[in-house]
Amino acid sequence: MTQAELASAVSVTRQTISALEANRYSPSLDLAFRIALVFQVPIGEVFFYELG
């Protein structure tokens, strides 16, 4: 799936997806769930948080 296709599926810009992939942007909880739904996986398989 391309960045543009994912962006379209979750109603954000391709630049937002690019920033997420580059770890320059943290998604809202709503966006994180929408992305997980597109891939049909639990949110924890798409996003995780590392302390420190």
PDB file of N, CA and C in Angstrom:
ATOM      1  N   MET A   1       0.854  -1.165   0.000  1.00  0.00           N
ATOM      2  CA  MET A   1       0.000   0.000   0.000  1.00  0.00           C
ATOM      3  C   MET A   1       0.905   1.236   0.000  1.00  0.00           C
ATOM      4  N   THR A   2       0.570   2.192  -0.834  1.00  0.00           N
ATOM      5  CA  THR A   2       1.368   3.418  -0.892  1.00  0.00           C
ATOM      6  C   THR A   2       0.948   4.378   0.209  1.00  0.00           C
ATOM      7  N   GLN A   3       1.794   5.354   0.461  1.00  0.00           N
ATOM      8  CA  GLN A   3       1.452   6.386   1.433  1.00  0.00           C
ATOM      9  C   GLN A   3       0.175   7.106   1.003  1.00  0.00           C
ATOM     10  N   ALA A   4       0.043   7.377  -0.269  1.00  0.00           N
ATOM     11  CA  ALA A   4      -1.134   8.082  -0.777  1.00  0.00           C
ATOM     12  C   ALA A   4      -2.401   7.245  -0.575  1.00  0.00           C
ATOM     13  N   GLU A   5      -2.309   5.945  -0.814  1.00  0.00           N
ATOM     14  CA  GLU A   5      -3.471   5.074  -0.625  1.00  0.00           C
ATOM     15  C   GLU A   5      -3.882   5.015   0.841  1.00  0.00           C
ATOM     16  N   LEU A   6      -2.905   4.886   1.738  1.00  0.00           N
ATOM     17  CA  LEU A   6      -3.222   4.865   3.163  1.00  0.00           C
ATOM     18  C   LEU A   6      -3.790   6.204   3.599  1.00  0.00           C
ATOM     19  N   ALA A   7      -3.188   7.273   3.154  1.00  0.00           N
ATOM     20  CA  ALA A   7      -3.676   8.612   3.505  1.00  0.00           C
ATOM     21  C   ALA A   7      -5.129   8.780   3.089  1.00  0.00           C
ATOM     22  N   SER A   8      -5.438   8.361   1.894  1.00  0.00           N
ATOM     23  CA  SER A   8      -6.814   8.451   1.401  1.00  0.00           C
ATOM     24  C   SER A   8      -7.758   7.603   2.243  1.00  0.00           C
ATOM     25  N   ALA A   9      -7.325   6.413   2.623  1.00  0.00           N
ATOM     26  CA  ALA A   9      -8.167   5.495   3.396  1.00  0.00           C
ATOM     27  C   ALA A   9      -8.485   6.023   4.785  1.00  0.00           C
ATOM     28  N   VAL A  10      -7.576   6.838   5.350  1.00  0.00           N
ATOM     29  CA  VAL A  10      -7.790   7.343   6.711  1.00  0.00           C
ATOM     30  C   VAL A  10      -8.040   8.853   6.753  1.00  0.00           C
ATOM     31  N   SER A  11      -8.206   9.447   5.587  1.00  0.00           N
ATOM     32  CA  SER A  11      -8.584  10.872   5.460  1.00  0.00           C
ATOM     33  C   SER A  11      -7.560  11.843   6.028  1.00  0.00           C
ATOM     34  N   VAL A  12      -6.289  11.610   5.684  1.00  0.00           N
ATOM     35  CA  VAL A  12      -5.230  12.566   6.003  1.00  0.00           C
ATOM     36  C   VAL A  12      -4.397  12.775   4.739  1.00  0.00           C
ATOM     37  N   THR A  13      -3.400  13.647   4.825  1.00  0.00           N
ATOM     38  CA  THR A  13      -2.538  13.876   3.669  1.00  0.00           C
ATOM     39  C   THR A  13      -1.435  12.829   3.610  1.00  0.00           C
ATOM     40  N   ARG A  14      -0.864  12.682   2.432  1.00  0.00           N
ATOM     41  CA  ARG A  14       0.274  11.786   2.272  1.00  0.00           C
ATOM     42  C   ARG A  14       1.439  12.269   3.131  1.00  0.00           C
ATOM     43  N   GLN A  15       1.569  13.582   3.282  1.00  0.00           N
ATOM     44  CA  GLN A  15       2.634  14.139   4.099  1.00  0.00           C
ATOM     45  C   GLN A  15       2.493  13.718   5.563  1.00  0.00           C
ATOM     46  N   THR A  16       1.257  13.579   6.042  1.00  0.00           N
ATOM     47  CA  THR A  16       1.034  13.114   7.415  1.00  0.00           C
ATOM     48  C   THR A  16       1.536  11.692   7.565  1.00  0.00           C
ATOM     49  N   ILE A  17       1.238  10.830   6.607  1.00  0.00           N
ATOM     50  CA  ILE A  17       1.704   9.447   6.661  1.00  0.00           C
ATOM     51  C   ILE A  17       3.225   9.410   6.595  1.00  0.00           C
ATOM     52  N   SER A  18       3.815  10.224   5.751  1.00  0.00           N
ATOM     53  CA  SER A  18       5.264  10.293   5.650  1.00  0.00           C
ATOM     54  C   SER A  18       5.880  10.712   6.980  1.00  0.00           C
ATOM     55  N   ALA A  19       5.294  11.709   7.634  1.00  0.00           N
ATOM     56  CA  ALA A  19       5.802  12.174   8.929  1.00  0.00           C
ATOM     57  C   ALA A  19       5.672  11.087  10.001  1.00  0.00           C
ATOM     58  N   LEU A  20       4.582  10.320   9.960  1.00  0.00           N
ATOM     59  CA  LEU A  20       4.414   9.211  10.898  1.00  0.00           C
ATOM     60  C   LEU A  20       5.521   8.181  10.707  1.00  0.00           C
ATOM     61  N   GLU A  21       5.783   7.822   9.457  1.00  0.00           N
ATOM     62  CA  GLU A  21       6.805   6.820   9.159  1.00  0.00           C
ATOM     63  C   GLU A  21       8.188   7.287   9.571  1.00  0.00           C
ATOM     64  N   ALA A  22       8.435   8.590   9.502  1.00  0.00           N
ATOM     65  CA  ALA A  22       9.748   9.138   9.843  1.00  0.00           C
ATOM     66  C   ALA A  22       9.858   9.474  11.328  1.00  0.00           C
ATOM     67  N   ASN A  23       8.805   9.158  12.082  1.00  0.00           N
ATOM     68  CA  ASN A  23       8.775   9.417  13.528  1.00  0.00           C
ATOM     69  C   ASN A  23       8.891  10.908  13.852  1.00  0.00           C
ATOM     70  N   ARG A  24       8.339  11.746  12.960  1.00  0.00           N
ATOM     71  CA  ARG A  24       8.326  13.189  13.183  1.00  0.00           C
ATOM     72  C   ARG A  24       6.962  13.667  13.666  1.00  0.00           C
ATOM     73  N   TYR A  25       6.014  12.743  13.788  1.00  0.00           N
ATOM     74  CA  TYR A  25       4.650  13.099  14.149  1.00  0.00           C
ATOM     75  C   TYR A  25       4.028  11.936  14.905  1.00  0.00           C
ATOM     76  N   SER A  26       3.338  12.265  15.992  1.00  0.00           N
ATOM     77  CA  SER A  26       2.596  11.244  16.740  1.00  0.00           C
ATOM     78  C   SER A  26       1.124  11.385  16.391  1.00  0.00           C
ATOM     79  N   PRO A  27       0.491  10.303  15.994  1.00  0.00           N
ATOM     80  CA  PRO A  27      -0.910  10.405  15.564  1.00  0.00           C
ATOM     81  C   PRO A  27      -1.846  10.590  16.748  1.00  0.00           C
ATOM     82  N   SER A  28      -2.992  11.157  16.466  1.00  0.00           N
ATOM     83  CA  SER A  28      -4.051  11.182  17.471  1.00  0.00           C
ATOM     84  C   SER A  28      -4.502   9.740  17.682  1.00  0.00           C
ATOM     85  N   LEU A  29      -5.163   9.500  18.783  1.00  0.00           N
ATOM     86  CA  LEU A  29      -5.669   8.157  19.048  1.00  0.00           C
ATOM     87  C   LEU A  29      -6.652   7.740  17.956  1.00  0.00           C
ATOM     88  N   ASP A  30      -7.471   8.670  17.525  1.00  0.00           N
ATOM     89  CA  ASP A  30      -8.436   8.388  16.460  1.00  0.00           C
ATOM     90  C   ASP A  30      -7.717   7.940  15.184  1.00  0.00           C
ATOM     91  N   LEU A  31      -6.697   8.673  14.778  1.00  0.00           N
ATOM     92  CA  LEU A  31      -5.960   8.319  13.562  1.00  0.00           C
ATOM     93  C   LEU A  31      -5.255   6.981  13.731  1.00  0.00           C
ATOM     94  N   ALA A  32      -4.672   6.743  14.890  1.00  0.00           N
ATOM     95  CA  ALA A  32      -3.994   5.468  15.126  1.00  0.00           C
ATOM     96  C   ALA A  32      -4.961   4.300  14.969  1.00  0.00           C
ATOM     97  N   PHE A  33      -6.175   4.434  15.519  1.00  0.00           N
ATOM     98  CA  PHE A  33      -7.164   3.364  15.380  1.00  0.00           C
ATOM     99  C   PHE A  33      -7.603   3.206  13.926  1.00  0.00           C
ATOM    100  N   ARG A  34      -7.774   4.313  13.208  1.00  0.00           N
ATOM    101  CA  ARG A  34      -8.176   4.215  11.794  1.00  0.00           C
ATOM    102  C   ARG A  34      -7.118   3.485  10.969  1.00  0.00           C
ATOM    103  N   ILE A  35      -5.848   3.769  11.227  1.00  0.00           N
ATOM    104  CA  ILE A  35      -4.773   3.084  10.506  1.00  0.00           C
ATOM    105  C   ILE A  35      -4.777   1.591  10.834  1.00  0.00           C
ATOM    106  N   ALA A  36      -4.921   1.257  12.106  1.00  0.00           N
ATOM    107  CA  ALA A  36      -4.975  -0.158  12.496  1.00  0.00           C
ATOM    108  C   ALA A  36      -6.149  -0.861  11.831  1.00  0.00           C
ATOM    109  N   LEU A  37      -7.281  -0.185  11.742  1.00  0.00           N
ATOM    110  CA  LEU A  37      -8.452  -0.783  11.098  1.00  0.00           C
ATOM    111  C   LEU A  37      -8.210  -1.054   9.618  1.00  0.00           C
ATOM    112  N   VAL A  38      -7.520  -0.144   8.947  1.00  0.00           N
ATOM    113  CA  VAL A  38      -7.212  -0.352   7.527  1.00  0.00           C
ATOM    114  C   VAL A  38      -6.422  -1.643   7.342  1.00  0.00           C
ATOM    115  N   PHE A  39      -5.467  -1.882   8.237  1.00  0.00           N
ATOM    116  CA  PHE A  39      -4.638  -3.077   8.130  1.00  0.00           C
ATOM    117  C   PHE A  39      -5.240  -4.284   8.842  1.00  0.00           C
ATOM    118  N   GLN A  40      -6.369  -4.079   9.498  1.00  0.00           N
ATOM    119  CA  GLN A  40      -7.100  -5.136  10.200  1.00  0.00           C
ATOM    120  C   GLN A  40      -6.213  -5.859  11.220  1.00  0.00           C
ATOM    121  N   VAL A  41      -5.503  -5.046  12.021  1.00  0.00           N
ATOM    122  CA  VAL A  41      -4.655  -5.574  13.088  1.00  0.00           C
ATOM    123  C   VAL A  41      -4.911  -4.771  14.354  1.00  0.00           C
ATOM    124  N   PRO A  42      -4.571  -5.321  15.513  1.00  0.00           N
ATOM    125  CA  PRO A  42      -4.688  -4.549  16.753  1.00  0.00           C
ATOM    126  C   PRO A  42      -3.769  -3.322  16.706  1.00  0.00           C
ATOM    127  N   ILE A  43      -4.182  -2.268  17.341  1.00  0.00           N
ATOM    128  CA  ILE A  43      -3.422  -1.011  17.321  1.00  0.00           C
ATOM    129  C   ILE A  43      -1.984  -1.208  17.796  1.00  0.00           C
ATOM    130  N   GLY A  44      -1.779  -2.120  18.747  1.00  0.00           N
ATOM    131  CA  GLY A  44      -0.437  -2.392  19.263  1.00  0.00           C
ATOM    132  C   GLY A  44       0.514  -2.998  18.254  1.00  0.00           C
ATOM    133  N   GLU A  45      -0.014  -3.523  17.155  1.00  0.00           N
ATOM    134  CA  GLU A  45       0.848  -4.049  16.096  1.00  0.00           C
ATOM    135  C   GLU A  45       1.309  -2.959  15.140  1.00  0.00           C
ATOM    136  N   VAL A  46       0.649  -1.805  15.203  1.00  0.00           N
ATOM    137  CA  VAL A  46       0.998  -0.692  14.321  1.00  0.00           C
ATOM    138  C   VAL A  46       1.796   0.366  15.075  1.00  0.00           C
ATOM    139  N   PHE A  47       1.383   0.641  16.306  1.00  0.00           N
ATOM    140  CA  PHE A  47       2.025   1.693  17.096  1.00  0.00           C
ATOM    141  C   PHE A  47       2.446   1.161  18.451  1.00  0.00           C
ATOM    142  N   PHE A  48       3.571   1.665  18.945  1.00  0.00           N
ATOM    143  CA  PHE A  48       4.022   1.328  20.292  1.00  0.00           C
ATOM    144  C   PHE A  48       4.779   2.537  20.821  1.00  0.00           C
ATOM    145  N   TYR A  49       4.959   2.572  22.118  1.00  0.00           N
ATOM    146  CA  TYR A  49       5.639   3.686  22.749  1.00  0.00           C
ATOM    147  C   TYR A  49       6.823   3.165  23.537  1.00  0.00           C
ATOM    148  N   GLU A  50       7.978   3.775  23.308  1.00  0.00           N
ATOM    149  CA  GLU A  50       9.178   3.402  24.046  1.00  0.00           C
ATOM    150  C   GLU A  50       9.513   4.503  25.024  1.00  0.00           C
ATOM    151  N   LEU A  51       9.704   4.148  26.271  1.00  0.00           N
ATOM    152  CA  LEU A  51      10.117   5.128  27.271  1.00  0.00           C
ATOM    153  C   LEU A  51      11.584   5.472  27.080  1.00  0.00           C
ATOM    154  N   GLY A  52      11.890   6.738  27.326  1.00  0.00           N
ATOM    155  CA  GLY A  52      13.294   7.156  27.269  1.00  0.00           C
ATOM    156  C   GLY A  52      13.686   7.553  25.946  1.00  0.00           C
TER     157      GLY A  52
END
